[in-house]
Amino acid sequence: VIPPQKSMERIGSIGVDAGLAGFFHNKPDF
């Protein structure tokens, strides 16, 4: 179920340094 973008709320921001980003299950330190 994809909500209308205008209905979504900004909850924060992230930084990117490797040109990649996403959603992880308890992302480990490598």
mmCIF file of all heavy atoms, coordinates in Angstrom:
data_MODEL
# 
_entry.id   MODEL 
# 
loop_
_atom_site.group_PDB 
_atom_site.id 
_atom_site.type_symbol 
_atom_site.label_atom_id 
_atom_site.label_alt_id 
_atom_site.label_comp_id 
_atom_site.label_asym_id 
_atom_site.label_entity_id 
_atom_site.label_seq_id 
_atom_site.pdbx_PDB_ins_code 
_atom_site.Cartn_x 
_atom_site.Cartn_y 
_atom_site.Cartn_z 
_atom_site.occupancy 
_atom_site.B_iso_or_equiv 
_atom_site.pdbx_formal_charge 
_atom_site.auth_seq_id 
_atom_site.auth_comp_id 
_atom_site.auth_asym_id 
_atom_site.auth_atom_id 
_atom_site.pdbx_PDB_model_num 
ATOM 1   N N   . VAL A 1 1  ? 0.857  -1.195 0.000  1.00 0.00 ? 1  VAL A N   1 
ATOM 2   C CA  . VAL A 1 1  ? 0.000  0.000  0.000  1.00 0.00 ? 1  VAL A CA  1 
ATOM 3   C C   . VAL A 1 1  ? 0.893  1.245  0.000  1.00 0.00 ? 1  VAL A C   1 
ATOM 4   O O   . VAL A 1 1  ? 1.596  1.515  0.967  1.00 0.00 ? 1  VAL A O   1 
ATOM 5   C CB  . VAL A 1 1  ? -0.955 0.013  1.208  1.00 0.00 ? 1  VAL A CB  1 
ATOM 6   C CG1 . VAL A 1 1  ? -1.776 1.302  1.234  1.00 0.00 ? 1  VAL A CG1 1 
ATOM 7   C CG2 . VAL A 1 1  ? -1.847 -1.214 1.190  1.00 0.00 ? 1  VAL A CG2 1 
ATOM 8   N N   . ILE A 1 2  ? 0.833  1.989  -1.104 1.00 0.00 ? 2  ILE A N   1 
ATOM 9   C CA  . ILE A 1 2  ? 1.661  3.185  -1.261 1.00 0.00 ? 2  ILE A CA  1 
ATOM 10  C C   . ILE A 1 2  ? 0.804  4.415  -0.953 1.00 0.00 ? 2  ILE A C   1 
ATOM 11  O O   . ILE A 1 2  ? -0.141 4.715  -1.684 1.00 0.00 ? 2  ILE A O   1 
ATOM 12  C CB  . ILE A 1 2  ? 2.226  3.274  -2.692 1.00 0.00 ? 2  ILE A CB  1 
ATOM 13  C CG1 . ILE A 1 2  ? 3.059  2.023  -2.997 1.00 0.00 ? 2  ILE A CG1 1 
ATOM 14  C CG2 . ILE A 1 2  ? 3.049  4.550  -2.861 1.00 0.00 ? 2  ILE A CG2 1 
ATOM 15  C CD1 . ILE A 1 2  ? 3.447  1.885  -4.454 1.00 0.00 ? 2  ILE A CD1 1 
ATOM 16  N N   . PRO A 1 3  ? 1.126  5.121  0.121  1.00 0.00 ? 3  PRO A N   1 
ATOM 17  C CA  . PRO A 1 3  ? 0.331  6.310  0.465  1.00 0.00 ? 3  PRO A CA  1 
ATOM 18  C C   . PRO A 1 3  ? 0.690  7.482  -0.451 1.00 0.00 ? 3  PRO A C   1 
ATOM 19  O O   . PRO A 1 3  ? 1.778  7.513  -1.027 1.00 0.00 ? 3  PRO A O   1 
ATOM 20  C CB  . PRO A 1 3  ? 0.759  6.599  1.906  1.00 0.00 ? 3  PRO A CB  1 
ATOM 21  C CG  . PRO A 1 3  ? 2.154  6.077  1.981  1.00 0.00 ? 3  PRO A CG  1 
ATOM 22  C CD  . PRO A 1 3  ? 2.202  4.885  1.077  1.00 0.00 ? 3  PRO A CD  1 
ATOM 23  N N   . PRO A 1 4  ? -0.197 8.455  -0.566 1.00 0.00 ? 4  PRO A N   1 
ATOM 24  C CA  . PRO A 1 4  ? 0.158  9.668  -1.320 1.00 0.00 ? 4  PRO A CA  1 
ATOM 25  C C   . PRO A 1 4  ? 1.357  10.342 -0.653 1.00 0.00 ? 4  PRO A C   1 
ATOM 26  O O   . PRO A 1 4  ? 1.420  10.445 0.579  1.00 0.00 ? 4  PRO A O   1 
ATOM 27  C CB  . PRO A 1 4  ? -1.087 10.550 -1.206 1.00 0.00 ? 4  PRO A CB  1 
ATOM 28  C CG  . PRO A 1 4  ? -2.191 9.633  -0.786 1.00 0.00 ? 4  PRO A CG  1 
ATOM 29  C CD  . PRO A 1 4  ? -1.553 8.515  -0.033 1.00 0.00 ? 4  PRO A CD  1 
ATOM 30  N N   . GLN A 1 5  ? 2.308  10.775 -1.459 1.00 0.00 ? 5  GLN A N   1 
ATOM 31  C CA  . GLN A 1 5  ? 3.512  11.395 -0.896 1.00 0.00 ? 5  GLN A CA  1 
ATOM 32  C C   . GLN A 1 5  ? 3.197  12.592 -0.014 1.00 0.00 ? 5  GLN A C   1 
ATOM 33  O O   . GLN A 1 5  ? 3.846  12.798 1.003  1.00 0.00 ? 5  GLN A O   1 
ATOM 34  C CB  . GLN A 1 5  ? 4.471  11.816 -2.007 1.00 0.00 ? 5  GLN A CB  1 
ATOM 35  C CG  . GLN A 1 5  ? 5.309  10.678 -2.510 1.00 0.00 ? 5  GLN A CG  1 
ATOM 36  C CD  . GLN A 1 5  ? 6.507  11.181 -3.263 1.00 0.00 ? 5  GLN A CD  1 
ATOM 37  O OE1 . GLN A 1 5  ? 6.439  12.182 -3.966 1.00 0.00 ? 5  GLN A OE1 1 
ATOM 38  N NE2 . GLN A 1 5  ? 7.604  10.484 -3.120 1.00 0.00 ? 5  GLN A NE2 1 
ATOM 39  N N   . LYS A 1 6  ? 2.198  13.368 -0.394 1.00 0.00 ? 6  LYS A N   1 
ATOM 40  C CA  . LYS A 1 6  ? 1.864  14.556 0.391  1.00 0.00 ? 6  LYS A CA  1 
ATOM 41  C C   . LYS A 1 6  ? 1.359  14.211 1.782  1.00 0.00 ? 6  LYS A C   1 
ATOM 42  O O   . LYS A 1 6  ? 1.393  15.039 2.684  1.00 0.00 ? 6  LYS A O   1 
ATOM 43  C CB  . LYS A 1 6  ? 0.838  15.405 -0.352 1.00 0.00 ? 6  LYS A CB  1 
ATOM 44  C CG  . LYS A 1 6  ? 1.402  16.082 -1.569 1.00 0.00 ? 6  LYS A CG  1 
ATOM 45  C CD  . LYS A 1 6  ? 0.376  16.936 -2.266 1.00 0.00 ? 6  LYS A CD  1 
ATOM 46  C CE  . LYS A 1 6  ? 0.997  17.604 -3.477 1.00 0.00 ? 6  LYS A CE  1 
ATOM 47  N NZ  . LYS A 1 6  ? 0.049  18.445 -4.179 1.00 0.00 ? 6  LYS A NZ  1 
ATOM 48  N N   . SER A 1 7  ? 0.888  12.981 1.983  1.00 0.00 ? 7  SER A N   1 
ATOM 49  C CA  . SER A 1 7  ? 0.382  12.583 3.295  1.00 0.00 ? 7  SER A CA  1 
ATOM 50  C C   . SER A 1 7  ? 1.495  12.093 4.222  1.00 0.00 ? 7  SER A C   1 
ATOM 51  O O   . SER A 1 7  ? 1.265  11.902 5.412  1.00 0.00 ? 7  SER A O   1 
ATOM 52  C CB  . SER A 1 7  ? -0.669 11.473 3.147  1.00 0.00 ? 7  SER A CB  1 
ATOM 53  O OG  . SER A 1 7  ? -0.055 10.252 2.761  1.00 0.00 ? 7  SER A OG  1 
ATOM 54  N N   . MET A 1 8  ? 2.688  11.896 3.672  1.00 0.00 ? 8  MET A N   1 
ATOM 55  C CA  . MET A 1 8  ? 3.794  11.382 4.489  1.00 0.00 ? 8  MET A CA  1 
ATOM 56  C C   . MET A 1 8  ? 4.483  12.523 5.230  1.00 0.00 ? 8  MET A C   1 
ATOM 57  O O   . MET A 1 8  ? 4.559  13.651 4.746  1.00 0.00 ? 8  MET A O   1 
ATOM 58  C CB  . MET A 1 8  ? 4.776  10.607 3.616  1.00 0.00 ? 8  MET A CB  1 
ATOM 59  C CG  . MET A 1 8  ? 4.131  9.375  2.985  1.00 0.00 ? 8  MET A CG  1 
ATOM 60  S SD  . MET A 1 8  ? 5.247  8.417  1.953  1.00 0.00 ? 8  MET A SD  1 
ATOM 61  C CE  . MET A 1 8  ? 6.184  7.551  3.222  1.00 0.00 ? 8  MET A CE  1 
ATOM 62  N N   . GLU A 1 9  ? 4.982  12.210 6.420  1.00 0.00 ? 9  GLU A N   1 
ATOM 63  C CA  . GLU A 1 9  ? 5.601  13.202 7.301  1.00 0.00 ? 9  GLU A CA  1 
ATOM 64  C C   . GLU A 1 9  ? 7.110  12.983 7.370  1.00 0.00 ? 9  GLU A C   1 
ATOM 65  O O   . GLU A 1 9  ? 7.570  11.848 7.497  1.00 0.00 ? 9  GLU A O   1 
ATOM 66  C CB  . GLU A 1 9  ? 4.993  13.042 8.689  1.00 0.00 ? 9  GLU A CB  1 
ATOM 67  C CG  . GLU A 1 9  ? 5.602  13.880 9.755  1.00 0.00 ? 9  GLU A CG  1 
ATOM 68  C CD  . GLU A 1 9  ? 5.028  13.553 11.135 1.00 0.00 ? 9  GLU A CD  1 
ATOM 69  O OE1 . GLU A 1 9  ? 3.859  13.133 11.218 1.00 0.00 ? 9  GLU A OE1 1 
ATOM 70  O OE2 . GLU A 1 9  ? 5.765  13.695 12.125 1.00 0.00 ? 9  GLU A OE2 1 
ATOM 71  N N   . ARG A 1 10 ? 7.863  14.077 7.311  1.00 0.00 ? 10 ARG A N   1 
ATOM 72  C CA  . ARG A 1 10 ? 9.319  13.988 7.467  1.00 0.00 ? 10 ARG A CA  1 
ATOM 73  C C   . ARG A 1 10 ? 9.621  13.608 8.905  1.00 0.00 ? 10 ARG A C   1 
ATOM 74  O O   . ARG A 1 10 ? 9.154  14.261 9.841  1.00 0.00 ? 10 ARG A O   1 
ATOM 75  C CB  . ARG A 1 10 ? 9.977  15.318 7.122  1.00 0.00 ? 10 ARG A CB  1 
ATOM 76  C CG  . ARG A 1 10 ? 11.492 15.262 7.198  1.00 0.00 ? 10 ARG A CG  1 
ATOM 77  C CD  . ARG A 1 10 ? 12.100 16.658 6.978  1.00 0.00 ? 10 ARG A CD  1 
ATOM 78  N NE  . ARG A 1 10 ? 13.520 16.650 7.190  1.00 0.00 ? 10 ARG A NE  1 
ATOM 79  C CZ  . ARG A 1 10 ? 14.138 16.674 8.371  1.00 0.00 ? 10 ARG A CZ  1 
ATOM 80  N NH1 . ARG A 1 10 ? 13.422 16.720 9.487  1.00 0.00 ? 10 ARG A NH1 1 
ATOM 81  N NH2 . ARG A 1 10 ? 15.447 16.646 8.472  1.00 0.00 ? 10 ARG A NH2 1 
ATOM 82  N N   . ILE A 1 11 ? 10.409 12.532 9.092  1.00 0.00 ? 11 ILE A N   1 
ATOM 83  C CA  . ILE A 1 11 ? 10.735 12.080 10.450 1.00 0.00 ? 11 ILE A CA  1 
ATOM 84  C C   . ILE A 1 11 ? 12.222 12.220 10.788 1.00 0.00 ? 11 ILE A C   1 
ATOM 85  O O   . ILE A 1 11 ? 12.637 11.914 11.897 1.00 0.00 ? 11 ILE A O   1 
ATOM 86  C CB  . ILE A 1 11 ? 10.289 10.619 10.691 1.00 0.00 ? 11 ILE A CB  1 
ATOM 87  C CG1 . ILE A 1 11 ? 10.976 9.651  9.735  1.00 0.00 ? 11 ILE A CG1 1 
ATOM 88  C CG2 . ILE A 1 11 ? 8.770  10.525 10.621 1.00 0.00 ? 11 ILE A CG2 1 
ATOM 89  C CD1 . ILE A 1 11 ? 10.802 8.185  10.097 1.00 0.00 ? 11 ILE A CD1 1 
ATOM 90  N N   . GLY A 1 12 ? 13.019 12.662 9.834  1.00 0.00 ? 12 GLY A N   1 
ATOM 91  C CA  . GLY A 1 12 ? 14.446 12.838 10.086 1.00 0.00 ? 12 GLY A CA  1 
ATOM 92  C C   . GLY A 1 12 ? 15.220 12.867 8.791  1.00 0.00 ? 12 GLY A C   1 
ATOM 93  O O   . GLY A 1 12 ? 14.654 12.991 7.704  1.00 0.00 ? 12 GLY A O   1 
ATOM 94  N N   . SER A 1 13 ? 16.538 12.750 8.922  1.00 0.00 ? 13 SER A N   1 
ATOM 95  C CA  . SER A 1 13 ? 17.400 12.710 7.744  1.00 0.00 ? 13 SER A CA  1 
ATOM 96  C C   . SER A 1 13 ? 18.597 11.822 8.037  1.00 0.00 ? 13 SER A C   1 
ATOM 97  O O   . SER A 1 13 ? 18.920 11.556 9.194  1.00 0.00 ? 13 SER A O   1 
ATOM 98  C CB  . SER A 1 13 ? 17.845 14.114 7.336  1.00 0.00 ? 13 SER A CB  1 
ATOM 99  O OG  . SER A 1 13 ? 18.613 14.692 8.360  1.00 0.00 ? 13 SER A OG  1 
ATOM 100 N N   . ILE A 1 14 ? 19.214 11.351 6.962  1.00 0.00 ? 14 ILE A N   1 
ATOM 101 C CA  . ILE A 1 14 ? 20.406 10.507 7.087  1.00 0.00 ? 14 ILE A CA  1 
ATOM 102 C C   . ILE A 1 14 ? 21.506 11.079 6.214  1.00 0.00 ? 14 ILE A C   1 
ATOM 103 O O   . ILE A 1 14 ? 21.250 11.836 5.281  1.00 0.00 ? 14 ILE A O   1 
ATOM 104 C CB  . ILE A 1 14 ? 20.123 9.045  6.677  1.00 0.00 ? 14 ILE A CB  1 
ATOM 105 C CG1 . ILE A 1 14 ? 19.690 8.965  5.208  1.00 0.00 ? 14 ILE A CG1 1 
ATOM 106 C CG2 . ILE A 1 14 ? 19.108 8.410  7.601  1.00 0.00 ? 14 ILE A CG2 1 
ATOM 107 C CD1 . ILE A 1 14 ? 19.748 7.575  4.614  1.00 0.00 ? 14 ILE A CD1 1 
ATOM 108 N N   . GLY A 1 15 ? 22.731 10.669 6.507  1.00 0.00 ? 15 GLY A N   1 
ATOM 109 C CA  . GLY A 1 15 ? 23.873 11.017 5.675  1.00 0.00 ? 15 GLY A CA  1 
ATOM 110 C C   . GLY A 1 15 ? 24.259 9.824  4.819  1.00 0.00 ? 15 GLY A C   1 
ATOM 111 O O   . GLY A 1 15 ? 23.998 8.677  5.177  1.00 0.00 ? 15 GLY A O   1 
ATOM 112 N N   . VAL A 1 16 ? 24.861 10.132 3.679  1.00 0.00 ? 16 VAL A N   1 
ATOM 113 C CA  . VAL A 1 16 ? 25.330 9.096  2.762  1.00 0.00 ? 16 VAL A CA  1 
ATOM 114 C C   . VAL A 1 16 ? 26.764 9.406  2.377  1.00 0.00 ? 16 VAL A C   1 
ATOM 115 O O   . VAL A 1 16 ? 27.075 10.537 2.002  1.00 0.00 ? 16 VAL A O   1 
ATOM 116 C CB  . VAL A 1 16 ? 24.435 9.025  1.505  1.00 0.00 ? 16 VAL A CB  1 
ATOM 117 C CG1 . VAL A 1 16 ? 25.024 8.102  0.461  1.00 0.00 ? 16 VAL A CG1 1 
ATOM 118 C CG2 . VAL A 1 16 ? 23.027 8.587  1.882  1.00 0.00 ? 16 VAL A CG2 1 
ATOM 119 N N   . ASP A 1 17 ? 27.626 8.398  2.472  1.00 0.00 ? 17 ASP A N   1 
ATOM 120 C CA  . ASP A 1 17 ? 29.029 8.567  2.138  1.00 0.00 ? 17 ASP A CA  1 
ATOM 121 C C   . ASP A 1 17 ? 29.523 7.513  1.148  1.00 0.00 ? 17 ASP A C   1 
ATOM 122 O O   . ASP A 1 17 ? 30.572 7.675  0.557  1.00 0.00 ? 17 ASP A O   1 
ATOM 123 C CB  . ASP A 1 17 ? 29.870 8.516  3.414  1.00 0.00 ? 17 ASP A CB  1 
ATOM 124 C CG  . ASP A 1 17 ? 31.284 9.008  3.205  1.00 0.00 ? 17 ASP A CG  1 
ATOM 125 O OD1 . ASP A 1 17 ? 31.477 9.960  2.420  1.00 0.00 ? 17 ASP A OD1 1 
ATOM 126 O OD2 . ASP A 1 17 ? 32.200 8.436  3.805  1.00 0.00 ? 17 ASP A OD2 1 
ATOM 127 N N   . ALA A 1 18 ? 28.773 6.425  0.963  1.00 0.00 ? 18 ALA A N   1 
ATOM 128 C CA  . ALA A 1 18 ? 29.182 5.354  0.044  1.00 0.00 ? 18 ALA A CA  1 
ATOM 129 C C   . ALA A 1 18 ? 28.300 5.309  -1.197 1.00 0.00 ? 18 ALA A C   1 
ATOM 130 O O   . ALA A 1 18 ? 28.383 4.368  -1.979 1.00 0.00 ? 18 ALA A O   1 
ATOM 131 C CB  . ALA A 1 18 ? 29.147 4.001  0.761  1.00 0.00 ? 18 ALA A CB  1 
ATOM 132 N N   . GLY A 1 19 ? 27.440 6.311  -1.372 1.00 0.00 ? 19 GLY A N   1 
ATOM 133 C CA  . GLY A 1 19 ? 26.549 6.329  -2.526 1.00 0.00 ? 19 GLY A CA  1 
ATOM 134 C C   . GLY A 1 19 ? 25.441 5.296  -2.452 1.00 0.00 ? 19 GLY A C   1 
ATOM 135 O O   . GLY A 1 19 ? 24.822 4.966  -3.449 1.00 0.00 ? 19 GLY A O   1 
ATOM 136 N N   . LEU A 1 20 ? 25.158 4.782  -1.232 1.00 0.00 ? 20 LEU A N   1 
ATOM 137 C CA  . LEU A 1 20 ? 24.130 3.764  -1.000 1.00 0.00 ? 20 LEU A CA  1 
ATOM 138 C C   . LEU A 1 20 ? 23.356 4.122  0.263  1.00 0.00 ? 20 LEU A C   1 
ATOM 139 O O   . LEU A 1 20 ? 23.916 4.702  1.194  1.00 0.00 ? 20 LEU A O   1 
ATOM 140 C CB  . LEU A 1 20 ? 24.761 2.385  -0.778 1.00 0.00 ? 20 LEU A CB  1 
ATOM 141 C CG  . LEU A 1 20 ? 25.659 1.815  -1.856 1.00 0.00 ? 20 LEU A CG  1 
ATOM 142 C CD1 . LEU A 1 20 ? 26.433 0.613  -1.313 1.00 0.00 ? 20 LEU A CD1 1 
ATOM 143 C CD2 . LEU A 1 20 ? 24.841 1.418  -3.065 1.00 0.00 ? 20 LEU A CD2 1 
ATOM 144 N N   . ALA A 1 21 ? 22.081 3.717  0.314  1.00 0.00 ? 21 ALA A N   1 
ATOM 145 C CA  . ALA A 1 21 ? 21.303 3.900  1.537  1.00 0.00 ? 21 ALA A CA  1 
ATOM 146 C C   . ALA A 1 21 ? 20.094 2.992  1.489  1.00 0.00 ? 21 ALA A C   1 
ATOM 147 O O   . ALA A 1 21 ? 19.657 2.570  0.417  1.00 0.00 ? 21 ALA A O   1 
ATOM 148 C CB  . ALA A 1 21 ? 20.867 5.350  1.697  1.00 0.00 ? 21 ALA A CB  1 
ATOM 149 N N   . GLY A 1 22 ? 19.550 2.687  2.677  1.00 0.00 ? 22 GLY A N   1 
ATOM 150 C CA  . GLY A 1 22 ? 18.362 1.857  2.699  1.00 0.00 ? 22 GLY A CA  1 
ATOM 151 C C   . GLY A 1 22 ? 17.893 1.509  4.096  1.00 0.00 ? 22 GLY A C   1 
ATOM 152 O O   . GLY A 1 22 ? 18.227 2.181  5.076  1.00 0.00 ? 22 GLY A O   1 
ATOM 153 N N   . PHE A 1 23 ? 17.137 0.413  4.138  1.00 0.00 ? 23 PHE A N   1 
ATOM 154 C CA  . PHE A 1 23 ? 16.440 -0.038 5.343  1.00 0.00 ? 23 PHE A CA  1 
ATOM 155 C C   . PHE A 1 23 ? 17.016 -1.399 5.747  1.00 0.00 ? 23 PHE A C   1 
ATOM 156 O O   . PHE A 1 23 ? 16.985 -2.343 4.957  1.00 0.00 ? 23 PHE A O   1 
ATOM 157 C CB  . PHE A 1 23 ? 14.941 -0.160 5.047  1.00 0.00 ? 23 PHE A CB  1 
ATOM 158 C CG  . PHE A 1 23 ? 14.369 1.093  4.445  1.00 0.00 ? 23 PHE A CG  1 
ATOM 159 C CD1 . PHE A 1 23 ? 14.254 1.239  3.067  1.00 0.00 ? 23 PHE A CD1 1 
ATOM 160 C CD2 . PHE A 1 23 ? 13.972 2.142  5.251  1.00 0.00 ? 23 PHE A CD2 1 
ATOM 161 C CE1 . PHE A 1 23 ? 13.740 2.396  2.502  1.00 0.00 ? 23 PHE A CE1 1 
ATOM 162 C CE2 . PHE A 1 23 ? 13.457 3.314  4.694  1.00 0.00 ? 23 PHE A CE2 1 
ATOM 163 C CZ  . PHE A 1 23 ? 13.344 3.439  3.316  1.00 0.00 ? 23 PHE A CZ  1 
ATOM 164 N N   . PHE A 1 24 ? 17.508 -1.500 6.974  1.00 0.00 ? 24 PHE A N   1 
ATOM 165 C CA  . PHE A 1 24 ? 18.246 -2.686 7.398  1.00 0.00 ? 24 PHE A CA  1 
ATOM 166 C C   . PHE A 1 24 ? 17.658 -3.287 8.667  1.00 0.00 ? 24 PHE A C   1 
ATOM 167 O O   . PHE A 1 24 ? 17.161 -2.566 9.529  1.00 0.00 ? 24 PHE A O   1 
ATOM 168 C CB  . PHE A 1 24 ? 19.714 -2.328 7.639  1.00 0.00 ? 24 PHE A CB  1 
ATOM 169 C CG  . PHE A 1 24 ? 20.418 -1.874 6.394  1.00 0.00 ? 24 PHE A CG  1 
ATOM 170 C CD1 . PHE A 1 24 ? 20.395 -0.545 6.006  1.00 0.00 ? 24 PHE A CD1 1 
ATOM 171 C CD2 . PHE A 1 24 ? 21.087 -2.785 5.597  1.00 0.00 ? 24 PHE A CD2 1 
ATOM 172 C CE1 . PHE A 1 24 ? 21.022 -0.120 4.849  1.00 0.00 ? 24 PHE A CE1 1 
ATOM 173 C CE2 . PHE A 1 24 ? 21.731 -2.383 4.437  1.00 0.00 ? 24 PHE A CE2 1 
ATOM 174 C CZ  . PHE A 1 24 ? 21.695 -1.041 4.068  1.00 0.00 ? 24 PHE A CZ  1 
ATOM 175 N N   . HIS A 1 25 ? 17.800 -4.610 8.789  1.00 0.00 ? 25 HIS A N   1 
ATOM 176 C CA  . HIS A 1 25 ? 17.454 -5.341 10.006 1.00 0.00 ? 25 HIS A CA  1 
ATOM 177 C C   . HIS A 1 25 ? 18.648 -5.254 10.946 1.00 0.00 ? 25 HIS A C   1 
ATOM 178 O O   . HIS A 1 25 ? 19.643 -5.946 10.732 1.00 0.00 ? 25 HIS A O   1 
ATOM 179 C CB  . HIS A 1 25 ? 17.217 -6.832 9.724  1.00 0.00 ? 25 HIS A CB  1 
ATOM 180 C CG  . HIS A 1 25 ? 16.202 -7.120 8.680  1.00 0.00 ? 25 HIS A CG  1 
ATOM 181 N ND1 . HIS A 1 25 ? 14.859 -6.965 8.896  1.00 0.00 ? 25 HIS A ND1 1 
ATOM 182 C CD2 . HIS A 1 25 ? 16.338 -7.556 7.405  1.00 0.00 ? 25 HIS A CD2 1 
ATOM 183 C CE1 . HIS A 1 25 ? 14.214 -7.315 7.808  1.00 0.00 ? 25 HIS A CE1 1 
ATOM 184 N NE2 . HIS A 1 25 ? 15.083 -7.666 6.883  1.00 0.00 ? 25 HIS A NE2 1 
ATOM 185 N N   . ASN A 1 26 ? 18.601 -4.395 11.946 1.00 0.00 ? 26 ASN A N   1 
ATOM 186 C CA  . ASN A 1 26 ? 19.673 -4.306 12.930 1.00 0.00 ? 26 ASN A CA  1 
ATOM 187 C C   . ASN A 1 26 ? 21.045 -4.357 12.250 1.00 0.00 ? 26 ASN A C   1 
ATOM 188 O O   . ASN A 1 26 ? 21.842 -5.258 12.479 1.00 0.00 ? 26 ASN A O   1 
ATOM 189 C CB  . ASN A 1 26 ? 19.525 -5.434 13.958 1.00 0.00 ? 26 ASN A CB  1 
ATOM 190 C CG  . ASN A 1 26 ? 20.372 -5.189 15.176 1.00 0.00 ? 26 ASN A CG  1 
ATOM 191 O OD1 . ASN A 1 26 ? 20.720 -4.058 15.495 1.00 0.00 ? 26 ASN A OD1 1 
ATOM 192 N ND2 . ASN A 1 26 ? 20.726 -6.264 15.855 1.00 0.00 ? 26 ASN A ND2 1 
ATOM 193 N N   . LYS A 1 27 ? 21.330 -3.381 11.398 1.00 0.00 ? 27 LYS A N   1 
ATOM 194 C CA  . LYS A 1 27 ? 22.544 -3.385 10.586 1.00 0.00 ? 27 LYS A CA  1 
ATOM 195 C C   . LYS A 1 27 ? 23.800 -3.492 11.441 1.00 0.00 ? 27 LYS A C   1 
ATOM 196 O O   . LYS A 1 27 ? 24.016 -2.694 12.333 1.00 0.00 ? 27 LYS A O   1 
ATOM 197 C CB  . LYS A 1 27 ? 22.621 -2.138 9.707  1.00 0.00 ? 27 LYS A CB  1 
ATOM 198 C CG  . LYS A 1 27 ? 23.688 -2.284 8.622  1.00 0.00 ? 27 LYS A CG  1 
ATOM 199 C CD  . LYS A 1 27 ? 24.313 -0.957 8.378  1.00 0.00 ? 27 LYS A CD  1 
ATOM 200 C CE  . LYS A 1 27 ? 25.748 -0.826 8.270  1.00 0.00 ? 27 LYS A CE  1 
ATOM 201 N NZ  . LYS A 1 27 ? 26.733 -1.291 9.098  1.00 0.00 ? 27 LYS A NZ  1 
ATOM 202 N N   . PRO A 1 28 ? 24.611 -4.521 11.175 1.00 0.00 ? 28 PRO A N   1 
ATOM 203 C CA  . PRO A 1 28 ? 25.832 -4.702 11.962 1.00 0.00 ? 28 PRO A CA  1 
ATOM 204 C C   . PRO A 1 28 ? 26.930 -3.727 11.536 1.00 0.00 ? 28 PRO A C   1 
ATOM 205 O O   . PRO A 1 28 ? 26.909 -3.202 10.426 1.00 0.00 ? 28 PRO A O   1 
ATOM 206 C CB  . PRO A 1 28 ? 26.244 -6.139 11.635 1.00 0.00 ? 28 PRO A CB  1 
ATOM 207 C CG  . PRO A 1 28 ? 25.753 -6.342 10.235 1.00 0.00 ? 28 PRO A CG  1 
ATOM 208 C CD  . PRO A 1 28 ? 24.452 -5.563 10.162 1.00 0.00 ? 28 PRO A CD  1 
ATOM 209 N N   . ASP A 1 29 ? 27.884 -3.521 12.425 1.00 0.00 ? 29 ASP A N   1 
ATOM 210 C CA  . ASP A 1 29 ? 29.100 -2.812 12.055 1.00 0.00 ? 29 ASP A CA  1 
ATOM 211 C C   . ASP A 1 29 ? 29.966 -3.807 11.287 1.00 0.00 ? 29 ASP A C   1 
ATOM 212 O O   . ASP A 1 29 ? 30.103 -4.964 11.699 1.00 0.00 ? 29 ASP A O   1 
ATOM 213 C CB  . ASP A 1 29 ? 29.850 -2.329 13.300 1.00 0.00 ? 29 ASP A CB  1 
ATOM 214 C CG  . ASP A 1 29 ? 29.069 -1.264 14.072 1.00 0.00 ? 29 ASP A CG  1 
ATOM 215 O OD1 . ASP A 1 29 ? 28.080 -0.732 13.541 1.00 0.00 ? 29 ASP A OD1 1 
ATOM 216 O OD2 . ASP A 1 29 ? 29.461 -0.980 15.213 1.00 0.00 ? 29 ASP A OD2 1 
ATOM 217 N N   . PHE A 1 30 ? 30.545 -3.389 10.164 1.00 0.00 ? 30 PHE A N   1 
ATOM 218 C CA  . PHE A 1 30 ? 31.351 -4.270 9.328  1.00 0.00 ? 30 PHE A CA  1 
ATOM 219 C C   . PHE A 1 30 ? 32.831 -4.146 9.650  1.00 0.00 ? 30 PHE A C   1 
ATOM 220 O O   . PHE A 1 30 ? 33.328 -3.039 9.879  1.00 0.00 ? 30 PHE A O   1 
ATOM 221 C CB  . PHE A 1 30 ? 31.172 -3.925 7.844  1.00 0.00 ? 30 PHE A CB  1 
ATOM 222 C CG  . PHE A 1 30 ? 29.813 -4.204 7.284  1.00 0.00 ? 30 PHE A CG  1 
ATOM 223 C CD1 . PHE A 1 30 ? 29.126 -3.217 6.605  1.00 0.00 ? 30 PHE A CD1 1 
ATOM 224 C CD2 . PHE A 1 30 ? 29.227 -5.451 7.402  1.00 0.00 ? 30 PHE A CD2 1 
ATOM 225 C CE1 . PHE A 1 30 ? 27.870 -3.464 6.052  1.00 0.00 ? 30 PHE A CE1 1 
ATOM 226 C CE2 . PHE A 1 30 ? 27.973 -5.714 6.866  1.00 0.00 ? 30 PHE A CE2 1 
ATOM 227 C CZ  . PHE A 1 30 ? 27.298 -4.715 6.184  1.00 0.00 ? 30 PHE A CZ  1 
# 
